[in-house]
Amino acid sequence: MWGVGLFIRYRVDRSMLRYALEAIAEDEDAAAATGVFVTWEKLKITLLSAAMTGFAGALYCQYQMFISPDTVSGISVSLQMVFASVVGGIYVLLGPTVGAFITILLAESLRIFFGTGAVGWDNIIYGTLLVVFIIFLPQGLVGSLQAKFARSGAA
């Protein structure tokens, strides 16, 4: 599922849909005036996103064998998703993957180190690191590394 999701994002990034969505984001009226069917383009990307989310959710449900609102959308899960995306890089293809690796590594390390003596500390650390990353590395780790290598390659 991970590979299929990356492939779909790669294809959308290199399609005319991307340009249509960028035009819509800038100015819907101007996009419509240039021939972009605004409602249709928004509907296409919404359906694609819903299909990917539904399929991934079905796989997750099969993996867990039980889901509840707290296990799929509690504060801990929401914070982990945001932290993974921001740390890796939101606008980079492999950014959320790298961020998820770091997030899971951090969560498991804290769980092993603290055990049950400090439940919830991972959320405090996530929140603190999230603010630090937003301030000092707004492109995330992967995005910052790509920008650094692009500058050194251009020089």
C-alpha atoms as a PDB file:
ATOM      1  CA  MET A   1       0.000   0.000   0.000  1.00  0.00           C
ATOM      2  CA  TRP A   2       2.902   2.321   0.812  1.00  0.00           C
ATOM      3  CA  GLY A   3       4.457   1.785  -2.614  1.00  0.00           C
ATOM      4  CA  VAL A   4       1.143   2.235  -4.408  1.00  0.00           C
ATOM      5  CA  GLY A   5       0.511   5.466  -2.499  1.00  0.00           C
ATOM      6  CA  LEU A   6       3.941   6.818  -3.432  1.00  0.00           C
ATOM      7  CA  PHE A   7       3.397   5.840  -7.059  1.00  0.00           C
ATOM      8  CA  ILE A   8       0.008   7.587  -7.180  1.00  0.00           C
ATOM      9  CA  ARG A   9       1.487  10.734  -5.618  1.00  0.00           C
ATOM     10  CA  TYR A  10       4.365  10.648  -8.106  1.00  0.00           C
ATOM     11  CA  ARG A  11       1.939  10.336 -11.024  1.00  0.00           C
ATOM     12  CA  VAL A  12      -0.323  13.137  -9.772  1.00  0.00           C
ATOM     13  CA  ASP A  13       2.733  15.353  -9.214  1.00  0.00           C
ATOM     14  CA  ARG A  14       3.684  14.958 -12.877  1.00  0.00           C
ATOM     15  CA  SER A  15       0.215  15.259 -14.378  1.00  0.00           C
ATOM     16  CA  MET A  16      -1.915  18.099 -15.630  1.00  0.00           C
ATOM     17  CA  LEU A  17      -4.077  17.650 -12.528  1.00  0.00           C
ATOM     18  CA  ARG A  18      -1.281  19.178 -10.462  1.00  0.00           C
ATOM     19  CA  TYR A  19      -1.232  22.316 -12.601  1.00  0.00           C
ATOM     20  CA  ALA A  20      -5.004  22.563 -12.505  1.00  0.00           C
ATOM     21  CA  LEU A  21      -4.994  22.277  -8.705  1.00  0.00           C
ATOM     22  CA  GLU A  22      -2.245  24.903  -8.420  1.00  0.00           C
ATOM     23  CA  ALA A  23      -4.263  27.255 -10.625  1.00  0.00           C
ATOM     24  CA  ILE A  24      -7.370  26.622  -8.523  1.00  0.00           C
ATOM     25  CA  ALA A  25      -5.414  27.273  -5.321  1.00  0.00           C
ATOM     26  CA  GLU A  26      -4.169  30.607  -6.645  1.00  0.00           C
ATOM     27  CA  ASP A  27      -7.469  31.932  -8.001  1.00  0.00           C
ATOM     28  CA  GLU A  28     -10.538  29.841  -8.785  1.00  0.00           C
ATOM     29  CA  ASP A  29     -12.109  32.428 -11.070  1.00  0.00           C
ATOM     30  CA  ALA A  30      -8.937  32.863 -13.114  1.00  0.00           C
ATOM     31  CA  ALA A  31      -8.534  29.087 -13.365  1.00  0.00           C
ATOM     32  CA  ALA A  32     -12.124  28.739 -14.577  1.00  0.00           C
ATOM     33  CA  ALA A  33     -11.544  31.522 -17.098  1.00  0.00           C
ATOM     34  CA  THR A  34      -8.582  29.636 -18.558  1.00  0.00           C
ATOM     35  CA  GLY A  35     -10.630  26.500 -19.118  1.00  0.00           C
ATOM     36  CA  VAL A  36     -10.112  24.524 -15.913  1.00  0.00           C
ATOM     37  CA  PHE A  37     -13.277  22.759 -14.765  1.00  0.00           C
ATOM     38  CA  VAL A  38     -12.851  23.698 -11.109  1.00  0.00           C
ATOM     39  CA  THR A  39     -15.557  21.489  -9.616  1.00  0.00           C
ATOM     40  CA  TRP A  40     -14.534  18.467 -11.694  1.00  0.00           C
ATOM     41  CA  GLU A  41     -10.829  18.799 -10.784  1.00  0.00           C
ATOM     42  CA  LYS A  42     -11.639  19.166  -7.088  1.00  0.00           C
ATOM     43  CA  LEU A  43     -13.953  16.173  -7.281  1.00  0.00           C
ATOM     44  CA  LYS A  44     -11.286  14.033  -8.990  1.00  0.00           C
ATOM     45  CA  ILE A  45      -8.657  14.688  -6.350  1.00  0.00           C
ATOM     46  CA  THR A  46     -11.200  14.219  -3.549  1.00  0.00           C
ATOM     47  CA  LEU A  47     -12.303  10.848  -4.955  1.00  0.00           C
ATOM     48  CA  LEU A  48      -8.694   9.721  -5.378  1.00  0.00           C
ATOM     49  CA  SER A  49      -7.877  10.742  -1.817  1.00  0.00           C
ATOM     50  CA  ALA A  50     -11.012   9.072  -0.430  1.00  0.00           C
ATOM     51  CA  ALA A  51     -10.293   5.830  -2.302  1.00  0.00           C
ATOM     52  CA  MET A  52      -6.711   5.703  -1.041  1.00  0.00           C
ATOM     53  CA  THR A  53      -7.781   6.528   2.521  1.00  0.00           C
ATOM     54  CA  GLY A  54     -10.590   3.964   2.480  1.00  0.00           C
ATOM     55  CA  PHE A  55      -8.354   1.191   1.161  1.00  0.00           C
ATOM     56  CA  ALA A  56      -5.593   1.989   3.672  1.00  0.00           C
ATOM     57  CA  GLY A  57      -8.179   2.118   6.467  1.00  0.00           C
ATOM     58  CA  ALA A  58      -9.549  -1.292   5.476  1.00  0.00           C
ATOM     59  CA  LEU A  59      -6.040  -2.752   5.521  1.00  0.00           C
ATOM     60  CA  TYR A  60      -5.354  -1.160   8.907  1.00  0.00           C
ATOM     61  CA  CYS A  61      -8.601  -2.555  10.291  1.00  0.00           C
ATOM     62  CA  GLN A  62      -7.666  -6.033   9.088  1.00  0.00           C
ATOM     63  CA  TYR A  63      -4.227  -5.661  10.667  1.00  0.00           C
ATOM     64  CA  GLN A  64      -5.559  -4.466  14.049  1.00  0.00           C
ATOM     65  CA  MET A  65      -8.651  -6.722  14.018  1.00  0.00           C
ATOM     66  CA  PHE A  66     -10.400  -4.033  16.078  1.00  0.00           C
ATOM     67  CA  ILE A  67     -10.644  -0.277  15.742  1.00  0.00           C
ATOM     68  CA  SER A  68     -12.255   2.394  17.842  1.00  0.00           C
ATOM     69  CA  PRO A  69     -12.284   6.177  17.576  1.00  0.00           C
ATOM     70  CA  ASP A  70      -9.511   6.454  20.151  1.00  0.00           C
ATOM     71  CA  THR A  71      -7.179   4.028  18.359  1.00  0.00           C
ATOM     72  CA  VAL A  72      -7.477   5.692  14.939  1.00  0.00           C
ATOM     73  CA  SER A  73      -8.040   9.349  15.772  1.00  0.00           C
ATOM     74  CA  GLY A  74      -6.977   9.970  19.349  1.00  0.00           C
ATOM     75  CA  ILE A  75      -4.634  12.788  20.270  1.00  0.00           C
ATOM     76  CA  SER A  76      -1.613  10.487  20.288  1.00  0.00           C
ATOM     77  CA  VAL A  77      -2.268   9.152  16.785  1.00  0.00           C
ATOM     78  CA  SER A  78      -3.033  12.613  15.415  1.00  0.00           C
ATOM     79  CA  LEU A  79       0.121  14.065  16.931  1.00  0.00           C
ATOM     80  CA  GLN A  80       2.227  11.214  15.527  1.00  0.00           C
ATOM     81  CA  MET A  81       0.842  11.774  12.008  1.00  0.00           C
ATOM     82  CA  VAL A  82       1.495  15.509  12.073  1.00  0.00           C
ATOM     83  CA  PHE A  83       4.923  15.064  13.638  1.00  0.00           C
ATOM     84  CA  ALA A  84       5.951  12.466  11.055  1.00  0.00           C
ATOM     85  CA  SER A  85       4.915  14.703   8.163  1.00  0.00           C
ATOM     86  CA  VAL A  86       6.555  17.841   9.521  1.00  0.00           C
ATOM     87  CA  VAL A  87       9.812  16.147  10.563  1.00  0.00           C
ATOM     88  CA  GLY A  88      10.336  14.372   7.256  1.00  0.00           C
ATOM     89  CA  GLY A  89       9.065  17.128   5.000  1.00  0.00           C
ATOM     90  CA  ILE A  90       5.518  17.791   3.866  1.00  0.00           C
ATOM     91  CA  TYR A  91       6.205  18.589   0.210  1.00  0.00           C
ATOM     92  CA  VAL A  92       8.821  15.892  -0.357  1.00  0.00           C
ATOM     93  CA  LEU A  93       7.933  12.465  -1.748  1.00  0.00           C
ATOM     94  CA  LEU A  94       9.731  10.402   0.919  1.00  0.00           C
ATOM     95  CA  GLY A  95       9.453  13.017   3.690  1.00  0.00           C
ATOM     96  CA  PRO A  96       6.527  11.483   5.601  1.00  0.00           C
ATOM     97  CA  THR A  97       8.129   8.028   5.312  1.00  0.00           C
ATOM     98  CA  VAL A  98      11.371   9.237   6.899  1.00  0.00           C
ATOM     99  CA  GLY A  99       9.348  11.148   9.487  1.00  0.00           C
ATOM    100  CA  ALA A 100       7.304   8.044  10.327  1.00  0.00           C
ATOM    101  CA  PHE A 101      10.506   6.037  10.769  1.00  0.00           C
ATOM    102  CA  ILE A 102      11.875   8.665  13.171  1.00  0.00           C
ATOM    103  CA  THR A 103       8.544   8.938  15.014  1.00  0.00           C
ATOM    104  CA  ILE A 104       8.197   5.201  15.544  1.00  0.00           C
ATOM    105  CA  LEU A 105      11.850   4.919  16.581  1.00  0.00           C
ATOM    106  CA  LEU A 106      11.353   7.739  19.097  1.00  0.00           C
ATOM    107  CA  ALA A 107       8.100   6.288  20.475  1.00  0.00           C
ATOM    108  CA  GLU A 108       9.535   2.797  20.913  1.00  0.00           C
ATOM    109  CA  SER A 109      12.762   4.114  22.449  1.00  0.00           C
ATOM    110  CA  LEU A 110      10.784   6.155  24.978  1.00  0.00           C
ATOM    111  CA  ARG A 111       8.529   3.185  25.718  1.00  0.00           C
ATOM    112  CA  ILE A 112      11.528   0.946  26.379  1.00  0.00           C
ATOM    113  CA  PHE A 113      13.449   3.579  28.353  1.00  0.00           C
ATOM    114  CA  PHE A 114      10.597   4.853  30.546  1.00  0.00           C
ATOM    115  CA  GLY A 115       8.307   1.820  30.538  1.00  0.00           C
ATOM    116  CA  THR A 116       4.993   2.495  32.246  1.00  0.00           C
ATOM    117  CA  GLY A 117       6.535   5.042  34.621  1.00  0.00           C
ATOM    118  CA  ALA A 118       6.057   7.974  32.251  1.00  0.00           C
ATOM    119  CA  VAL A 119       2.988   7.373  30.126  1.00  0.00           C
ATOM    120  CA  GLY A 120       2.290  10.296  27.793  1.00  0.00           C
ATOM    121  CA  TRP A 121       5.825  11.692  27.745  1.00  0.00           C
ATOM    122  CA  ASP A 122       6.099  10.909  24.066  1.00  0.00           C
ATOM    123  CA  ASN A 123       3.291  13.416  23.375  1.00  0.00           C
ATOM    124  CA  ILE A 124       5.128  16.129  25.317  1.00  0.00           C
ATOM    125  CA  ILE A 125       8.328  15.407  23.403  1.00  0.00           C
ATOM    126  CA  TYR A 126       6.437  15.286  20.079  1.00  0.00           C
ATOM    127  CA  GLY A 127       4.841  18.658  20.769  1.00  0.00           C
ATOM    128  CA  THR A 128       8.137  20.264  21.753  1.00  0.00           C
ATOM    129  CA  LEU A 129       9.997  18.837  18.771  1.00  0.00           C
ATOM    130  CA  LEU A 130       7.131  19.808  16.462  1.00  0.00           C
ATOM    131  CA  VAL A 131       7.486  23.465  17.460  1.00  0.00           C
ATOM    132  CA  VAL A 132      11.288  23.270  17.084  1.00  0.00           C
ATOM    133  CA  PHE A 133      11.028  21.726  13.617  1.00  0.00           C
ATOM    134  CA  ILE A 134       8.426  24.243  12.443  1.00  0.00           C
ATOM    135  CA  ILE A 135      10.638  27.133  13.560  1.00  0.00           C
ATOM    136  CA  PHE A 136      14.093  25.901  12.525  1.00  0.00           C
ATOM    137  CA  LEU A 137      13.444  23.328   9.756  1.00  0.00           C
ATOM    138  CA  PRO A 138      10.196  24.312   8.008  1.00  0.00           C
ATOM    139  CA  GLN A 139      11.041  22.063   5.020  1.00  0.00           C
ATOM    140  CA  GLY A 140      11.643  19.047   7.256  1.00  0.00           C
ATOM    141  CA  LEU A 141      14.744  16.866   7.277  1.00  0.00           C
ATOM    142  CA  VAL A 142      14.456  15.467   3.758  1.00  0.00           C
ATOM    143  CA  GLY A 143      13.443  18.802   2.252  1.00  0.00           C
ATOM    144  CA  SER A 144      16.349  20.586   3.953  1.00  0.00           C
ATOM    145  CA  LEU A 145      18.825  17.941   2.776  1.00  0.00           C
ATOM    146  CA  GLN A 146      17.506  18.187  -0.780  1.00  0.00           C
ATOM    147  CA  ALA A 147      17.811  21.973  -0.722  1.00  0.00           C
ATOM    148  CA  LYS A 148      21.352  21.736   0.665  1.00  0.00           C
ATOM    149  CA  PHE A 149      22.460  19.261  -2.004  1.00  0.00           C
ATOM    150  CA  ALA A 150      20.765  21.322  -4.731  1.00  0.00           C
ATOM    151  CA  ARG A 151      22.696  24.421  -3.601  1.00  0.00           C
ATOM    152  CA  SER A 152      26.017  22.567  -3.398  1.00  0.00           C
ATOM    153  CA  GLY A 153      25.358  20.909  -6.789  1.00  0.00           C
ATOM    154  CA  ALA A 154      24.573  24.255  -8.399  1.00  0.00           C
ATOM    155  CA  ALA A 155      27.759  25.776  -6.993  1.00  0.00           C
END
